[in-house]
Amino acid sequence: MYVYDTLTAAVSDLEKRGYEYDFILGPDYIECKAIDMQLMPEEFEIDEFYRFEGMNDPGDSAVIYAISSPVGNLKGVMIDAYGVYAENVSPELLDKLKMHHE
């Protein structure tokens, strides 16, 4: 794994390494709106993840996931605040994210 000082540096380097798409959380999938693609938990892997702590505000804490999928041969990133997704997603998706988050 790599070491990054900022979230911006992580995103920039991951893009250079081919993680070109942006994913967001859905209720039981992750979604890439740019290509109108939804991936269920079994359809993608979390290759890497990086945590960033807010210097002054714990609410600024975030995690970035480097995601790949054989479906469409996609690679992209998903950025989320710690724990924000816990109430909004399916148990299967939550388990997949928590496995790498803890």
N, C-alpha and C. Protein backbone atom coordinates (compact mmCIF):
# COMPACT_ATOMS: atom_id res chain seq x y z
N MET A 1 0.84 -1.18 0.00
CA MET A 1 0.00 0.00 0.00
C MET A 1 0.88 1.25 0.00
N TYR A 2 0.30 2.30 -0.45
CA TYR A 2 0.99 3.57 -0.55
C TYR A 2 0.70 4.42 0.69
N VAL A 3 1.47 5.48 0.87
CA VAL A 3 1.25 6.41 1.96
C VAL A 3 0.98 7.78 1.34
N TYR A 4 -0.13 8.38 1.73
CA TYR A 4 -0.51 9.69 1.21
C TYR A 4 -0.73 10.65 2.37
N ASP A 5 -0.33 11.90 2.16
CA ASP A 5 -0.53 12.93 3.18
C ASP A 5 -1.94 13.52 3.12
N THR A 6 -2.53 13.53 1.93
CA THR A 6 -3.85 14.14 1.78
C THR A 6 -4.75 13.26 0.91
N LEU A 7 -6.02 13.49 1.05
CA LEU A 7 -7.01 12.81 0.23
C LEU A 7 -6.80 13.16 -1.25
N THR A 8 -6.49 14.42 -1.51
CA THR A 8 -6.26 14.87 -2.89
C THR A 8 -5.08 14.13 -3.52
N ALA A 9 -4.01 13.95 -2.77
CA ALA A 9 -2.84 13.23 -3.29
C ALA A 9 -3.20 11.78 -3.59
N ALA A 10 -4.00 11.16 -2.72
CA ALA A 10 -4.41 9.78 -2.94
C ALA A 10 -5.24 9.65 -4.21
N VAL A 11 -6.23 10.53 -4.38
CA VAL A 11 -7.08 10.49 -5.57
C VAL A 11 -6.24 10.69 -6.83
N SER A 12 -5.34 11.64 -6.80
CA SER A 12 -4.49 11.93 -7.96
C SER A 12 -3.64 10.72 -8.34
N ASP A 13 -3.01 10.11 -7.36
CA ASP A 13 -2.16 8.95 -7.65
C ASP A 13 -2.98 7.76 -8.12
N LEU A 14 -4.12 7.51 -7.50
CA LEU A 14 -4.96 6.40 -7.93
C LEU A 14 -5.44 6.61 -9.37
N GLU A 15 -5.77 7.83 -9.72
CA GLU A 15 -6.16 8.11 -11.11
C GLU A 15 -5.01 7.79 -12.06
N LYS A 16 -3.80 8.16 -11.68
CA LYS A 16 -2.63 7.86 -12.51
C LYS A 16 -2.43 6.35 -12.66
N ARG A 17 -2.85 5.60 -11.65
CA ARG A 17 -2.72 4.15 -11.68
C ARG A 17 -3.93 3.45 -12.29
N GLY A 18 -4.82 4.22 -12.93
CA GLY A 18 -5.91 3.63 -13.68
C GLY A 18 -7.26 3.60 -13.01
N TYR A 19 -7.37 4.13 -11.80
CA TYR A 19 -8.65 4.17 -11.10
C TYR A 19 -9.39 5.43 -11.56
N GLU A 20 -10.03 5.32 -12.71
CA GLU A 20 -10.55 6.50 -13.40
C GLU A 20 -12.00 6.86 -13.08
N TYR A 21 -12.77 5.95 -12.55
CA TYR A 21 -14.18 6.21 -12.33
C TYR A 21 -14.46 6.61 -10.88
N ASP A 22 -15.53 7.37 -10.69
CA ASP A 22 -15.98 7.75 -9.35
C ASP A 22 -17.22 6.94 -9.00
N PHE A 23 -17.16 6.27 -7.86
CA PHE A 23 -18.28 5.48 -7.38
C PHE A 23 -18.92 6.16 -6.18
N ILE A 24 -20.23 5.96 -6.03
CA ILE A 24 -20.96 6.42 -4.85
C ILE A 24 -21.75 5.23 -4.31
N LEU A 25 -22.14 5.34 -3.04
CA LEU A 25 -22.92 4.27 -2.41
C LEU A 25 -24.38 4.36 -2.78
N GLY A 26 -24.95 3.21 -3.09
CA GLY A 26 -26.39 3.07 -3.23
C GLY A 26 -26.87 2.25 -2.05
N PRO A 27 -28.15 1.90 -2.03
CA PRO A 27 -28.67 1.14 -0.88
C PRO A 27 -28.10 -0.28 -0.77
N ASP A 28 -27.84 -0.94 -1.89
CA ASP A 28 -27.26 -2.28 -1.85
C ASP A 28 -26.24 -2.50 -2.96
N TYR A 29 -25.67 -1.42 -3.48
CA TYR A 29 -24.70 -1.47 -4.56
C TYR A 29 -23.83 -0.23 -4.52
N ILE A 30 -22.78 -0.22 -5.33
CA ILE A 30 -22.05 1.01 -5.58
C ILE A 30 -22.38 1.41 -7.01
N GLU A 31 -22.33 2.69 -7.28
CA GLU A 31 -22.78 3.19 -8.58
C GLU A 31 -21.77 4.14 -9.19
N CYS A 32 -21.59 4.01 -10.50
CA CYS A 32 -20.82 4.96 -11.28
C CYS A 32 -21.81 5.67 -12.19
N LYS A 33 -22.15 6.89 -11.85
CA LYS A 33 -23.14 7.64 -12.63
C LYS A 33 -22.63 8.00 -14.02
N ALA A 34 -21.32 8.19 -14.17
CA ALA A 34 -20.75 8.60 -15.45
C ALA A 34 -21.05 7.59 -16.56
N ILE A 35 -21.12 6.32 -16.18
CA ILE A 35 -21.39 5.28 -17.19
C ILE A 35 -22.66 4.50 -16.86
N ASP A 36 -23.43 5.01 -15.92
CA ASP A 36 -24.71 4.40 -15.54
C ASP A 36 -24.54 2.91 -15.21
N MET A 37 -23.61 2.62 -14.29
CA MET A 37 -23.30 1.24 -13.92
C MET A 37 -23.48 1.06 -12.42
N GLN A 38 -24.18 0.00 -12.05
CA GLN A 38 -24.34 -0.37 -10.65
C GLN A 38 -23.67 -1.72 -10.44
N LEU A 39 -22.91 -1.83 -9.34
CA LEU A 39 -22.22 -3.07 -9.02
C LEU A 39 -22.66 -3.56 -7.65
N MET A 40 -23.08 -4.82 -7.60
CA MET A 40 -23.45 -5.46 -6.34
C MET A 40 -22.16 -5.84 -5.60
N PRO A 41 -22.22 -6.09 -4.29
CA PRO A 41 -21.01 -6.40 -3.53
C PRO A 41 -20.17 -7.54 -4.11
N GLU A 42 -20.81 -8.54 -4.67
CA GLU A 42 -20.06 -9.67 -5.24
C GLU A 42 -19.43 -9.35 -6.60
N GLU A 43 -19.72 -8.19 -7.15
CA GLU A 43 -19.23 -7.82 -8.48
C GLU A 43 -18.01 -6.90 -8.46
N PHE A 44 -17.51 -6.56 -7.27
CA PHE A 44 -16.34 -5.71 -7.20
C PHE A 44 -15.44 -6.10 -6.04
N GLU A 45 -14.20 -5.66 -6.12
CA GLU A 45 -13.21 -5.90 -5.07
C GLU A 45 -12.66 -4.56 -4.59
N ILE A 46 -12.32 -4.50 -3.33
CA ILE A 46 -11.62 -3.34 -2.79
C ILE A 46 -10.14 -3.69 -2.81
N ASP A 47 -9.41 -3.05 -3.71
CA ASP A 47 -7.99 -3.33 -3.88
C ASP A 47 -7.13 -2.68 -2.80
N GLU A 48 -7.49 -1.47 -2.45
CA GLU A 48 -6.75 -0.69 -1.45
C GLU A 48 -7.73 0.24 -0.76
N PHE A 49 -7.37 0.71 0.41
CA PHE A 49 -8.15 1.75 1.06
C PHE A 49 -7.21 2.60 1.91
N TYR A 50 -7.57 3.85 2.09
CA TYR A 50 -6.75 4.80 2.85
C TYR A 50 -7.66 5.64 3.72
N ARG A 51 -7.26 5.82 4.96
CA ARG A 51 -8.03 6.62 5.91
C ARG A 51 -7.36 7.98 6.08
N PHE A 52 -8.18 8.99 6.24
CA PHE A 52 -7.69 10.34 6.48
C PHE A 52 -8.45 10.92 7.66
N GLU A 53 -7.69 11.41 8.63
CA GLU A 53 -8.28 11.99 9.84
C GLU A 53 -8.34 13.50 9.70
N GLY A 54 -9.46 14.08 10.09
CA GLY A 54 -9.59 15.53 10.10
C GLY A 54 -8.70 16.13 11.17
N MET A 55 -7.93 17.13 10.82
CA MET A 55 -7.00 17.75 11.77
C MET A 55 -7.73 18.43 12.92
N ASN A 56 -8.77 19.20 12.61
CA ASN A 56 -9.46 19.97 13.64
C ASN A 56 -10.86 19.45 13.93
N ASP A 57 -11.43 18.73 13.00
CA ASP A 57 -12.83 18.31 13.13
C ASP A 57 -12.94 16.83 12.80
N PRO A 58 -13.31 15.99 13.76
CA PRO A 58 -13.48 14.56 13.48
C PRO A 58 -14.47 14.31 12.34
N GLY A 59 -15.36 15.25 12.11
CA GLY A 59 -16.31 15.12 11.01
C GLY A 59 -15.66 15.19 9.65
N ASP A 60 -14.40 15.61 9.61
CA ASP A 60 -13.67 15.68 8.35
C ASP A 60 -12.98 14.37 8.00
N SER A 61 -13.12 13.37 8.84
CA SER A 61 -12.47 12.08 8.59
C SER A 61 -13.14 11.38 7.41
N ALA A 62 -12.31 10.74 6.58
CA ALA A 62 -12.83 10.07 5.39
C ALA A 62 -11.98 8.85 5.07
N VAL A 63 -12.54 8.00 4.24
CA VAL A 63 -11.82 6.84 3.72
C VAL A 63 -12.00 6.83 2.22
N ILE A 64 -10.94 6.48 1.50
CA ILE A 64 -11.01 6.33 0.05
C ILE A 64 -10.76 4.86 -0.27
N TYR A 65 -11.62 4.31 -1.10
CA TYR A 65 -11.50 2.92 -1.54
C TYR A 65 -11.07 2.89 -2.99
N ALA A 66 -10.06 2.09 -3.31
CA ALA A 66 -9.69 1.81 -4.70
C ALA A 66 -10.41 0.52 -5.08
N ILE A 67 -11.29 0.62 -6.06
CA ILE A 67 -12.21 -0.46 -6.41
C ILE A 67 -11.95 -0.96 -7.83
N SER A 68 -12.02 -2.27 -8.00
CA SER A 68 -11.93 -2.84 -9.35
C SER A 68 -13.06 -3.85 -9.53
N SER A 69 -13.44 -4.04 -10.79
CA SER A 69 -14.50 -4.99 -11.10
C SER A 69 -14.25 -5.63 -12.46
N PRO A 70 -14.42 -6.95 -12.54
CA PRO A 70 -14.34 -7.59 -13.85
C PRO A 70 -15.54 -7.24 -14.73
N VAL A 71 -16.62 -6.76 -14.11
CA VAL A 71 -17.79 -6.33 -14.86
C VAL A 71 -17.43 -5.02 -15.54
N GLY A 72 -17.27 -5.05 -16.83
CA GLY A 72 -16.87 -3.85 -17.56
C GLY A 72 -15.41 -3.50 -17.42
N ASN A 73 -14.63 -4.36 -16.74
CA ASN A 73 -13.20 -4.12 -16.53
C ASN A 73 -12.97 -2.71 -15.97
N LEU A 74 -13.68 -2.37 -14.90
CA LEU A 74 -13.66 -1.04 -14.32
C LEU A 74 -12.69 -0.93 -13.16
N LYS A 75 -12.11 0.26 -13.02
CA LYS A 75 -11.34 0.63 -11.84
C LYS A 75 -11.74 2.05 -11.48
N GLY A 76 -11.97 2.27 -10.19
CA GLY A 76 -12.36 3.60 -9.76
C GLY A 76 -12.18 3.78 -8.27
N VAL A 77 -12.60 4.94 -7.78
CA VAL A 77 -12.49 5.26 -6.37
C VAL A 77 -13.85 5.61 -5.79
N MET A 78 -13.96 5.38 -4.50
CA MET A 78 -15.14 5.80 -3.76
C MET A 78 -14.65 6.45 -2.49
N ILE A 79 -15.13 7.64 -2.20
CA ILE A 79 -14.75 8.38 -1.00
C ILE A 79 -15.97 8.47 -0.12
N ASP A 80 -15.77 8.17 1.17
CA ASP A 80 -16.89 8.23 2.10
C ASP A 80 -16.39 8.64 3.48
N ALA A 81 -17.24 9.31 4.21
CA ALA A 81 -16.93 9.67 5.59
C ALA A 81 -17.03 8.43 6.46
N TYR A 82 -16.24 8.36 7.52
CA TYR A 82 -16.29 7.22 8.43
C TYR A 82 -17.70 7.01 8.96
N GLY A 83 -18.21 5.81 8.77
CA GLY A 83 -19.44 5.43 9.41
C GLY A 83 -20.72 6.03 8.84
N VAL A 84 -20.62 6.95 7.90
CA VAL A 84 -21.81 7.61 7.38
C VAL A 84 -22.73 6.61 6.70
N TYR A 85 -22.16 5.63 6.04
CA TYR A 85 -22.95 4.69 5.26
C TYR A 85 -23.66 3.65 6.10
N ALA A 86 -23.34 3.52 7.34
CA ALA A 86 -23.80 2.40 8.16
C ALA A 86 -25.32 2.23 8.19
N GLU A 87 -26.06 3.31 8.15
CA GLU A 87 -27.51 3.20 8.24
C GLU A 87 -28.18 3.18 6.88
N ASN A 88 -27.45 3.42 5.82
CA ASN A 88 -28.05 3.63 4.51
C ASN A 88 -27.83 2.51 3.51
N VAL A 89 -27.11 1.46 3.88
CA VAL A 89 -26.80 0.42 2.90
C VAL A 89 -27.18 -0.96 3.43
N SER A 90 -27.22 -1.91 2.51
CA SER A 90 -27.58 -3.28 2.86
C SER A 90 -26.49 -3.92 3.73
N PRO A 91 -26.87 -4.94 4.50
CA PRO A 91 -25.87 -5.63 5.32
C PRO A 91 -24.72 -6.22 4.50
N GLU A 92 -25.00 -6.71 3.29
CA GLU A 92 -23.96 -7.29 2.45
C GLU A 92 -22.93 -6.24 2.02
N LEU A 93 -23.41 -5.08 1.62
CA LEU A 93 -22.51 -4.01 1.22
C LEU A 93 -21.76 -3.48 2.42
N LEU A 94 -22.43 -3.32 3.53
CA LEU A 94 -21.78 -2.85 4.75
C LEU A 94 -20.67 -3.81 5.18
N ASP A 95 -20.93 -5.10 5.11
CA ASP A 95 -19.92 -6.09 5.48
C ASP A 95 -18.69 -5.98 4.58
N LYS A 96 -18.90 -5.79 3.31
CA LYS A 96 -17.78 -5.67 2.37
C LYS A 96 -16.93 -4.44 2.70
N LEU A 97 -17.57 -3.33 2.98
CA LEU A 97 -16.84 -2.11 3.29
C LEU A 97 -16.17 -2.19 4.66
N LYS A 98 -16.86 -2.73 5.63
CA LYS A 98 -16.30 -2.82 6.99
C LYS A 98 -15.10 -3.76 7.03
N MET A 99 -15.11 -4.78 6.22
CA MET A 99 -14.01 -5.74 6.20
C MET A 99 -12.70 -5.00 5.91
N HIS A 100 -12.76 -3.95 5.12
CA HIS A 100 -11.57 -3.20 4.77
C HIS A 100 -11.41 -1.93 5.59
N HIS A 101 -12.44 -1.54 6.26
CA HIS A 101 -12.46 -0.26 6.97
C HIS A 101 -11.92 -0.38 8.38
N GLU A 102 -12.11 -1.53 9.01
CA GLU A 102 -11.75 -1.67 10.43
C GLU A 102 -10.28 -1.96 10.60
